[in-house]
Amino acid sequence: MMKFIKNFRKDEDGAVTVDWVVLTAAVVGLAVAAYQSIEDGATRLTDNTGAFLDTQDPNQDAPAAGGTTGTTGTTGTTGTTGTTGTTD
């Protein structure tokens, strides 16, 4: 019986298995944390994009090809003519 106990104490196969289990658990934990971080960022980005698109009017005329919107003509809702600005 003493020989069995001495051999059992010297055997390191179980210790190596425990090391691998702990290492694998740590890697899985880090992967879950990374996934959660990425998911939160993607959700926030999607929400912000949706909020921005909700504020856009698809029926509004696009700016001119040159990228400027100020031209001589009617500006705003006041009906002033001959000034530089955008047409509502």
PDB file of N, CA and C in Angstrom:
ATOM      1  N   MET A   1       0.822  -1.190   0.000  1.00  0.00           N
ATOM      2  CA  MET A   1       0.000   0.000   0.000  1.00  0.00           C
ATOM      3  C   MET A   1       0.866   1.253   0.000  1.00  0.00           C
ATOM      4  N   MET A   2       1.965   1.234   0.707  1.00  0.00           N
ATOM      5  CA  MET A   2       2.864   2.382   0.754  1.00  0.00           C
ATOM      6  C   MET A   2       3.471   2.643  -0.630  1.00  0.00           C
ATOM      7  N   LYS A   3       3.777   1.571  -1.365  1.00  0.00           N
ATOM      8  CA  LYS A   3       4.340   1.715  -2.695  1.00  0.00           C
ATOM      9  C   LYS A   3       3.330   2.411  -3.625  1.00  0.00           C
ATOM     10  N   PHE A   4       2.060   2.055  -3.506  1.00  0.00           N
ATOM     11  CA  PHE A   4       1.000   2.668  -4.323  1.00  0.00           C
ATOM     12  C   PHE A   4       0.899   4.161  -4.025  1.00  0.00           C
ATOM     13  N   ILE A   5       0.952   4.550  -2.763  1.00  0.00           N
ATOM     14  CA  ILE A   5       0.842   5.957  -2.373  1.00  0.00           C
ATOM     15  C   ILE A   5       2.039   6.746  -2.890  1.00  0.00           C
ATOM     16  N   LYS A   6       3.248   6.167  -2.784  1.00  0.00           N
ATOM     17  CA  LYS A   6       4.443   6.853  -3.279  1.00  0.00           C
ATOM     18  C   LYS A   6       4.378   7.034  -4.791  1.00  0.00           C
ATOM     19  N   ASN A   7       3.950   6.025  -5.505  1.00  0.00           N
ATOM     20  CA  ASN A   7       3.820   6.132  -6.961  1.00  0.00           C
ATOM     21  C   ASN A   7       2.736   7.143  -7.367  1.00  0.00           C
ATOM     22  N   PHE A   8       1.638   7.132  -6.637  1.00  0.00           N
ATOM     23  CA  PHE A   8       0.537   8.062  -6.917  1.00  0.00           C
ATOM     24  C   PHE A   8       1.001   9.499  -6.716  1.00  0.00           C
ATOM     25  N   ARG A   9       1.799   9.736  -5.684  1.00  0.00           N
ATOM     26  CA  ARG A   9       2.288  11.075  -5.382  1.00  0.00           C
ATOM     27  C   ARG A   9       3.279  11.561  -6.439  1.00  0.00           C
ATOM     28  N   LYS A  10       4.066  10.679  -7.010  1.00  0.00           N
ATOM     29  CA  LYS A  10       5.061  11.030  -8.017  1.00  0.00           C
ATOM     30  C   LYS A  10       4.447  11.210  -9.409  1.00  0.00           C
ATOM     31  N   ASP A  11       3.314  10.583  -9.636  1.00  0.00           N
ATOM     32  CA  ASP A  11       2.684  10.635 -10.959  1.00  0.00           C
ATOM     33  C   ASP A  11       2.155  12.042 -11.211  1.00  0.00           C
ATOM     34  N   GLU A  12       2.576  12.669 -12.324  1.00  0.00           N
ATOM     35  CA  GLU A  12       2.181  14.040 -12.632  1.00  0.00           C
ATOM     36  C   GLU A  12       1.162  14.126 -13.769  1.00  0.00           C
ATOM     37  N   ASP A  13       0.650  13.022 -14.244  1.00  0.00           N
ATOM     38  CA  ASP A  13      -0.320  13.061 -15.342  1.00  0.00           C
ATOM     39  C   ASP A  13      -1.559  13.869 -14.970  1.00  0.00           C
ATOM     40  N   GLY A  14      -2.045  13.705 -13.769  1.00  0.00           N
ATOM     41  CA  GLY A  14      -3.227  14.443 -13.326  1.00  0.00           C
ATOM     42  C   GLY A  14      -2.962  15.928 -13.235  1.00  0.00           C
ATOM     43  N   ALA A  15      -1.763  16.300 -12.792  1.00  0.00           N
ATOM     44  CA  ALA A  15      -1.409  17.716 -12.661  1.00  0.00           C
ATOM     45  C   ALA A  15      -1.349  18.396 -14.030  1.00  0.00           C
ATOM     46  N   VAL A  16      -0.843  17.697 -15.035  1.00  0.00           N
ATOM     47  CA  VAL A  16      -0.780  18.250 -16.378  1.00  0.00           C
ATOM     48  C   VAL A  16      -2.193  18.466 -16.919  1.00  0.00           C
ATOM     49  N   THR A  17      -3.075  17.542 -16.652  1.00  0.00           N
ATOM     50  CA  THR A  17      -4.463  17.671 -17.086  1.00  0.00           C
ATOM     51  C   THR A  17      -5.114  18.889 -16.447  1.00  0.00           C
ATOM     52  N   VAL A  18      -4.865  19.079 -15.166  1.00  0.00           N
ATOM     53  CA  VAL A  18      -5.429  20.234 -14.464  1.00  0.00           C
ATOM     54  C   VAL A  18      -4.877  21.523 -15.075  1.00  0.00           C
ATOM     55  N   ASP A  19      -3.589  21.543 -15.399  1.00  0.00           N
ATOM     56  CA  ASP A  19      -2.995  22.730 -16.032  1.00  0.00           C
ATOM     57  C   ASP A  19      -3.693  23.058 -17.345  1.00  0.00           C
ATOM     58  N   TRP A  20      -3.935  22.045 -18.157  1.00  0.00           N
ATOM     59  CA  TRP A  20      -4.598  22.265 -19.443  1.00  0.00           C
ATOM     60  C   TRP A  20      -6.035  22.740 -19.254  1.00  0.00           C
ATOM     61  N   VAL A  21      -6.718  22.209 -18.272  1.00  0.00           N
ATOM     62  CA  VAL A  21      -8.102  22.634 -18.013  1.00  0.00           C
ATOM     63  C   VAL A  21      -8.126  24.101 -17.593  1.00  0.00           C
ATOM     64  N   VAL A  22      -7.214  24.491 -16.713  1.00  0.00           N
ATOM     65  CA  VAL A  22      -7.165  25.883 -16.256  1.00  0.00           C
ATOM     66  C   VAL A  22      -6.797  26.811 -17.414  1.00  0.00           C
ATOM     67  N   LEU A  23      -5.817  26.420 -18.221  1.00  0.00           N
ATOM     68  CA  LEU A  23      -5.406  27.227 -19.366  1.00  0.00           C
ATOM     69  C   LEU A  23      -6.542  27.379 -20.374  1.00  0.00           C
ATOM     70  N   THR A  24      -7.244  26.301 -20.654  1.00  0.00           N
ATOM     71  CA  THR A  24      -8.367  26.347 -21.590  1.00  0.00           C
ATOM     72  C   THR A  24      -9.489  27.233 -21.057  1.00  0.00           C
ATOM     73  N   ALA A  25      -9.760  27.134 -19.767  1.00  0.00           N
ATOM     74  CA  ALA A  25     -10.797  27.975 -19.162  1.00  0.00           C
ATOM     75  C   ALA A  25     -10.423  29.455 -19.253  1.00  0.00           C
ATOM     76  N   ALA A  26      -9.138  29.774 -19.076  1.00  0.00           N
ATOM     77  CA  ALA A  26      -8.696  31.160 -19.182  1.00  0.00           C
ATOM     78  C   ALA A  26      -8.858  31.683 -20.609  1.00  0.00           C
ATOM     79  N   VAL A  27      -8.509  30.872 -21.590  1.00  0.00           N
ATOM     80  CA  VAL A  27      -8.654  31.284 -22.996  1.00  0.00           C
ATOM     81  C   VAL A  27     -10.124  31.491 -23.344  1.00  0.00           C
ATOM     82  N   VAL A  28     -10.985  30.610 -22.891  1.00  0.00           N
ATOM     83  CA  VAL A  28     -12.422  30.754 -23.156  1.00  0.00           C
ATOM     84  C   VAL A  28     -12.958  32.014 -22.474  1.00  0.00           C
ATOM     85  N   GLY A  29     -12.511  32.276 -21.260  1.00  0.00           N
ATOM     86  CA  GLY A  29     -12.945  33.486 -20.552  1.00  0.00           C
ATOM     87  C   GLY A  29     -12.536  34.749 -21.284  1.00  0.00           C
ATOM     88  N   LEU A  30     -11.311  34.780 -21.788  1.00  0.00           N
ATOM     89  CA  LEU A  30     -10.860  35.947 -22.557  1.00  0.00           C
ATOM     90  C   LEU A  30     -11.640  36.097 -23.856  1.00  0.00           C
ATOM     91  N   ALA A  31     -11.952  34.989 -24.499  1.00  0.00           N
ATOM     92  CA  ALA A  31     -12.732  35.047 -25.736  1.00  0.00           C
ATOM     93  C   ALA A  31     -14.132  35.597 -25.477  1.00  0.00           C
ATOM     94  N   VAL A  32     -14.744  35.184 -24.383  1.00  0.00           N
ATOM     95  CA  VAL A  32     -16.082  35.681 -24.039  1.00  0.00           C
ATOM     96  C   VAL A  32     -16.021  37.181 -23.750  1.00  0.00           C
ATOM     97  N   ALA A  33     -14.993  37.620 -23.034  1.00  0.00           N
ATOM     98  CA  ALA A  33     -14.854  39.050 -22.728  1.00  0.00           C
ATOM     99  C   ALA A  33     -14.646  39.858 -24.007  1.00  0.00           C
ATOM    100  N   ALA A  34     -13.832  39.358 -24.919  1.00  0.00           N
ATOM    101  CA  ALA A  34     -13.605  40.060 -26.181  1.00  0.00           C
ATOM    102  C   ALA A  34     -14.882  40.114 -27.008  1.00  0.00           C
ATOM    103  N   TYR A  35     -15.607  39.017 -27.064  1.00  0.00           N
ATOM    104  CA  TYR A  35     -16.859  38.978 -27.820  1.00  0.00           C
ATOM    105  C   TYR A  35     -17.851  39.992 -27.257  1.00  0.00           C
ATOM    106  N   GLN A  36     -17.957  40.054 -25.944  1.00  0.00           N
ATOM    107  CA  GLN A  36     -18.898  40.988 -25.312  1.00  0.00           C
ATOM    108  C   GLN A  36     -18.523  42.424 -25.646  1.00  0.00           C
ATOM    109  N   SER A  37     -17.239  42.733 -25.612  1.00  0.00           N
ATOM    110  CA  SER A  37     -16.783  44.081 -25.930  1.00  0.00           C
ATOM    111  C   SER A  37     -17.100  44.440 -27.381  1.00  0.00           C
ATOM    112  N   ILE A  38     -16.846  43.523 -28.288  1.00  0.00           N
ATOM    113  CA  ILE A  38     -17.121  43.766 -29.702  1.00  0.00           C
ATOM    114  C   ILE A  38     -18.625  43.897 -29.934  1.00  0.00           C
ATOM    115  N   GLU A  39     -19.403  43.060 -29.280  1.00  0.00           N
ATOM    116  CA  GLU A  39     -20.856  43.111 -29.450  1.00  0.00           C
ATOM    117  C   GLU A  39     -21.413  44.446 -28.960  1.00  0.00           C
ATOM    118  N   ASP A  40     -20.928  44.932 -27.807  1.00  0.00           N
ATOM    119  CA  ASP A  40     -21.401  46.213 -27.285  1.00  0.00           C
ATOM    120  C   ASP A  40     -21.064  47.353 -28.241  1.00  0.00           C
ATOM    121  N   GLY A  41     -19.852  47.344 -28.781  1.00  0.00           N
ATOM    122  CA  GLY A  41     -19.455  48.391 -29.721  1.00  0.00           C
ATOM    123  C   GLY A  41     -20.264  48.350 -31.000  1.00  0.00           C
ATOM    124  N   ALA A  42     -20.513  47.153 -31.501  1.00  0.00           N
ATOM    125  CA  ALA A  42     -21.293  47.018 -32.738  1.00  0.00           C
ATOM    126  C   ALA A  42     -22.744  47.450 -32.519  1.00  0.00           C
ATOM    127  N   THR A  43     -23.298  47.110 -31.377  1.00  0.00           N
ATOM    128  CA  THR A  43     -24.672  47.512 -31.063  1.00  0.00           C
ATOM    129  C   THR A  43     -24.774  49.026 -30.958  1.00  0.00           C
ATOM    130  N   ARG A  44     -23.807  49.640 -30.292  1.00  0.00           N
ATOM    131  CA  ARG A  44     -23.800  51.097 -30.150  1.00  0.00           C
ATOM    132  C   ARG A  44     -23.672  51.767 -31.520  1.00  0.00           C
ATOM    133  N   LEU A  45     -22.790  51.241 -32.379  1.00  0.00           N
ATOM    134  CA  LEU A  45     -22.608  51.795 -33.717  1.00  0.00           C
ATOM    135  C   LEU A  45     -23.892  51.668 -34.536  1.00  0.00           C
ATOM    136  N   THR A  46     -24.548  50.528 -34.455  1.00  0.00           N
ATOM    137  CA  THR A  46     -25.802  50.314 -35.181  1.00  0.00           C
ATOM    138  C   THR A  46     -26.885  51.266 -34.690  1.00  0.00           C
ATOM    139  N   ASP A  47     -26.986  51.450 -33.378  1.00  0.00           N
ATOM    140  CA  ASP A  47     -27.982  52.371 -32.827  1.00  0.00           C
ATOM    141  C   ASP A  47     -27.714  53.803 -33.283  1.00  0.00           C
ATOM    142  N   ASN A  48     -26.448  54.223 -33.248  1.00  0.00           N
ATOM    143  CA  ASN A  48     -26.103  55.583 -33.680  1.00  0.00           C
ATOM    144  C   ASN A  48     -26.380  55.783 -35.164  1.00  0.00           C
ATOM    145  N   THR A  49     -26.085  54.788 -35.965  1.00  0.00           N
ATOM    146  CA  THR A  49     -26.345  54.882 -37.404  1.00  0.00           C
ATOM    147  C   THR A  49     -27.844  54.970 -37.665  1.00  0.00           C
ATOM    148  N   GLY A  50     -28.623  54.158 -36.976  1.00  0.00           N
ATOM    149  CA  GLY A  50     -30.075  54.208 -37.124  1.00  0.00           C
ATOM    150  C   GLY A  50     -30.644  55.550 -36.708  1.00  0.00           C
ATOM    151  N   ALA A  51     -30.138  56.105 -35.602  1.00  0.00           N
ATOM    152  CA  ALA A  51     -30.605  57.417 -35.147  1.00  0.00           C
ATOM    153  C   ALA A  51     -30.259  58.504 -36.168  1.00  0.00           C
ATOM    154  N   PHE A  52     -29.073  58.421 -36.749  1.00  0.00           N
ATOM    155  CA  PHE A  52     -28.688  59.403 -37.771  1.00  0.00           C
ATOM    156  C   PHE A  52     -29.578  59.286 -38.998  1.00  0.00           C
ATOM    157  N   LEU A  53     -29.817  58.065 -39.447  1.00  0.00           N
ATOM    158  CA  LEU A  53     -30.644  57.877 -40.637  1.00  0.00           C
ATOM    159  C   LEU A  53     -32.088  58.308 -40.399  1.00  0.00           C
ATOM    160  N   ASP A  54     -32.569  58.183 -39.152  1.00  0.00           N
ATOM    161  CA  ASP A  54     -33.922  58.639 -38.843  1.00  0.00           C
ATOM    162  C   ASP A  54     -34.057  60.150 -38.993  1.00  0.00           C
ATOM    163  N   THR A  55     -32.965  60.876 -38.826  1.00  0.00           N
ATOM    164  CA  THR A  55     -33.031  62.340 -38.934  1.00  0.00           C
ATOM    165  C   THR A  55     -32.917  62.812 -40.377  1.00  0.00           C
ATOM    166  N   GLN A  56     -32.594  61.936 -41.303  1.00  0.00           N
ATOM    167  CA  GLN A  56     -32.405  62.323 -42.701  1.00  0.00           C
ATOM    168  C   GLN A  56     -33.733  62.280 -43.455  1.00  0.00           C
ATOM    169  N   ASP A  57     -33.903  63.254 -44.350  1.00  0.00           N
ATOM    170  CA  ASP A  57     -35.112  63.326 -45.166  1.00  0.00           C
ATOM    171  C   ASP A  57     -34.776  62.805 -46.562  1.00  0.00           C
ATOM    172  N   PRO A  58     -35.307  61.643 -46.933  1.00  0.00           N
ATOM    173  CA  PRO A  58     -34.971  61.087 -48.241  1.00  0.00           C
ATOM    174  C   PRO A  58     -35.554  61.898 -49.401  1.00  0.00           C
ATOM    175  N   ASN A  59     -36.512  62.773 -49.121  1.00  0.00           N
ATOM    176  CA  ASN A  59     -37.129  63.568 -50.176  1.00  0.00           C
ATOM    177  C   ASN A  59     -36.421  64.894 -50.394  1.00  0.00           C
ATOM    178  N   GLN A  60     -35.419  65.212 -49.579  1.00  0.00           N
ATOM    179  CA  GLN A  60     -34.680  66.458 -49.703  1.00  0.00           C
ATOM    180  C   GLN A  60     -33.723  66.346 -50.881  1.00  0.00           C
ATOM    181  N   ASP A  61     -33.606  67.439 -51.648  1.00  0.00           N
ATOM    182  CA  ASP A  61     -32.693  67.450 -52.790  1.00  0.00           C
ATOM    183  C   ASP A  61     -31.262  67.331 -52.300  1.00  0.00           C
ATOM    184  N   ALA A  62     -30.464  66.594 -53.053  1.00  0.00           N
ATOM    185  CA  ALA A  62     -29.050  66.443 -52.729  1.00  0.00           C
ATOM    186  C   ALA A  62     -28.312  67.717 -53.103  1.00  0.00           C
ATOM    187  N   PRO A  63     -27.173  67.994 -52.455  1.00  0.00           N
ATOM    188  CA  PRO A  63     -26.383  69.178 -52.826  1.00  0.00           C
ATOM    189  C   PRO A  63     -25.881  69.066 -54.260  1.00  0.00           C
ATOM    190  N   ALA A  64     -25.501  70.181 -54.826  1.00  0.00           N
ATOM    191  CA  ALA A  64     -24.980  70.207 -56.190  1.00  0.00           C
ATOM    192  C   ALA A  64     -23.707  69.381 -56.280  1.00  0.00           C
ATOM    193  N   ALA A  65     -23.325  69.037 -57.506  1.00  0.00           N
ATOM    194  CA  ALA A  65     -22.160  68.177 -57.716  1.00  0.00           C
ATOM    195  C   ALA A  65     -20.897  68.791 -57.151  1.00  0.00           C
ATOM    196  N   GLY A  66     -20.799  70.112 -57.111  1.00  0.00           N
ATOM    197  CA  GLY A  66     -19.612  70.775 -56.586  1.00  0.00           C
ATOM    198  C   GLY A  66     -19.528  70.732 -55.078  1.00  0.00           C
ATOM    199  N   GLY A  67     -20.586  70.308 -54.412  1.00  0.00           N
ATOM    200  CA  GLY A  67     -20.586  70.201 -52.966  1.00  0.00           C
ATOM    201  C   GLY A  67     -21.064  71.450 -52.259  1.00  0.00           C
ATOM    202  N   THR A  68     -21.409  72.519 -53.005  1.00  0.00           N
ATOM    203  CA  THR A  68     -21.877  73.743 -52.360  1.00  0.00           C
ATOM    204  C   THR A  68     -23.384  73.812 -52.466  1.00  0.00           C
ATOM    205  N   THR A  69     -24.008  74.372 -51.450  1.00  0.00           N
ATOM    206  CA  THR A  69     -25.459  74.502 -51.473  1.00  0.00           C
ATOM    207  C   THR A  69     -25.875  75.964 -51.581  1.00  0.00           C
ATOM    208  N   GLY A  70     -24.951  76.887 -51.439  1.00  0.00           N
ATOM    209  CA  GLY A  70     -25.299  78.307 -51.480  1.00  0.00           C
ATOM    210  C   GLY A  70     -25.340  78.836 -52.905  1.00  0.00           C
ATOM    211  N   THR A  71     -26.503  79.285 -53.335  1.00  0.00           N
ATOM    212  CA  THR A  71     -26.646  79.899 -54.653  1.00  0.00           C
ATOM    213  C   THR A  71     -27.503  81.138 -54.499  1.00  0.00           C
ATOM    214  N   THR A  72     -27.439  81.984 -55.454  1.00  0.00           N
ATOM    215  CA  THR A  72     -28.260  83.193 -55.423  1.00  0.00           C
ATOM    216  C   THR A  72     -29.706  82.808 -55.700  1.00  0.00           C
ATOM    217  N   GLY A  73     -30.606  83.298 -54.870  1.00  0.00           N
ATOM    218  CA  GLY A  73     -32.016  82.987 -55.057  1.00  0.00           C
ATOM    219  C   GLY A  73     -32.754  83.089 -53.737  1.00  0.00           C
ATOM    220  N   THR A  74     -33.850  82.382 -53.627  1.00  0.00           N
ATOM    221  CA  THR A  74     -34.685  82.425 -52.438  1.00  0.00           C
ATOM    222  C   THR A  74     -33.995  81.674 -51.308  1.00  0.00           C
ATOM    223  N   THR A  75     -34.029  82.234 -50.126  1.00  0.00           N
ATOM    224  CA  THR A  75     -33.392  81.583 -48.986  1.00  0.00           C
ATOM    225  C   THR A  75     -34.386  81.440 -47.849  1.00  0.00           C
ATOM    226  N   GLY A  76     -34.366  80.317 -47.191  1.00  0.00           N
ATOM    227  CA  GLY A  76     -35.189  80.083 -46.008  1.00  0.00           C
ATOM    228  C   GLY A  76     -36.667  80.194 -46.285  1.00  0.00           C
ATOM    229  N   THR A  77     -37.406  80.518 -45.230  1.00  0.00           N
ATOM    230  CA  THR A  77     -38.852  80.648 -45.359  1.00  0.00           C
ATOM    231  C   THR A  77     -39.279  82.109 -45.387  1.00  0.00           C
ATOM    232  N   THR A  78     -38.305  83.042 -45.350  1.00  0.00           N
ATOM    233  CA  THR A  78     -38.663  84.461 -45.333  1.00  0.00           C
ATOM    234  C   THR A  78     -38.987  84.991 -46.710  1.00  0.00           C
ATOM    235  N   GLY A  79     -38.523  84.312 -47.739  1.00  0.00           N
ATOM    236  CA  GLY A  79     -38.833  84.757 -49.086  1.00  0.00           C
ATOM    237  C   GLY A  79     -37.886  85.824 -49.594  1.00  0.00           C
ATOM    238  N   THR A  80     -36.776  86.047 -48.917  1.00  0.00           N
ATOM    239  CA  THR A  80     -35.797  87.035 -49.365  1.00  0.00           C
ATOM    240  C   THR A  80     -35.141  86.524 -50.636  1.00  0.00           C
ATOM    241  N   THR A  81     -35.034  87.365 -51.622  1.00  0.00           N
ATOM    242  CA  THR A  81     -34.411  86.950 -52.885  1.00  0.00           C
ATOM    243  C   THR A  81     -33.107  87.691 -53.082  1.00  0.00           C
ATOM    244  N   GLY A  82     -32.253  87.088 -53.890  1.00  0.00           N
ATOM    245  CA  GLY A  82     -31.018  87.748 -54.252  1.00  0.00           C
ATOM    246  C   GLY A  82     -29.901  87.582 -53.228  1.00  0.00           C
ATOM    247  N   THR A  83     -29.992  86.639 -52.308  1.00  0.00           N
ATOM    248  CA  THR A  83     -28.941  86.433 -51.318  1.00  0.00           C
ATOM    249  C   THR A  83     -28.363  85.043 -51.489  1.00  0.00           C
ATOM    250  N   THR A  84     -27.260  84.805 -50.853  1.00  0.00           N
ATOM    251  CA  THR A  84     -26.607  83.518 -50.911  1.00  0.00           C
ATOM    252  C   THR A  84     -27.135  82.641 -49.775  1.00  0.00           C
ATOM    253  N   GLY A  85     -27.516  81.383 -50.082  1.00  0.00           N
ATOM    254  CA  GLY A  85     -28.018  80.481 -49.054  1.00  0.00           C
ATOM    255  C   GLY A  85     -28.629  79.247 -49.673  1.00  0.00           C
ATOM    256  N   THR A  86     -29.347  78.496 -48.889  1.00  0.00           N
ATOM    257  CA  THR A  86     -29.989  77.275 -49.399  1.00  0.00           C
ATOM    258  C   THR A  86     -31.476  77.507 -49.523  1.00  0.00           C
ATOM    259  N   THR A  87     -32.090  76.746 -50.361  1.00  0.00           N
ATOM    260  CA  THR A  87     -33.531  76.837 -50.573  1.00  0.00           C
ATOM    261  C   THR A  87     -34.211  75.735 -49.792  1.00  0.00           C
ATOM    262  N   ASP A  88     -35.150  76.082 -48.934  1.00  0.00           N
ATOM    263  CA  ASP A  88     -35.913  75.080 -48.166  1.00  0.00           C
ATOM    264  C   ASP A  88     -37.054  74.530 -48.972  1.00  0.00           C
TER     265      ASP A  88
END
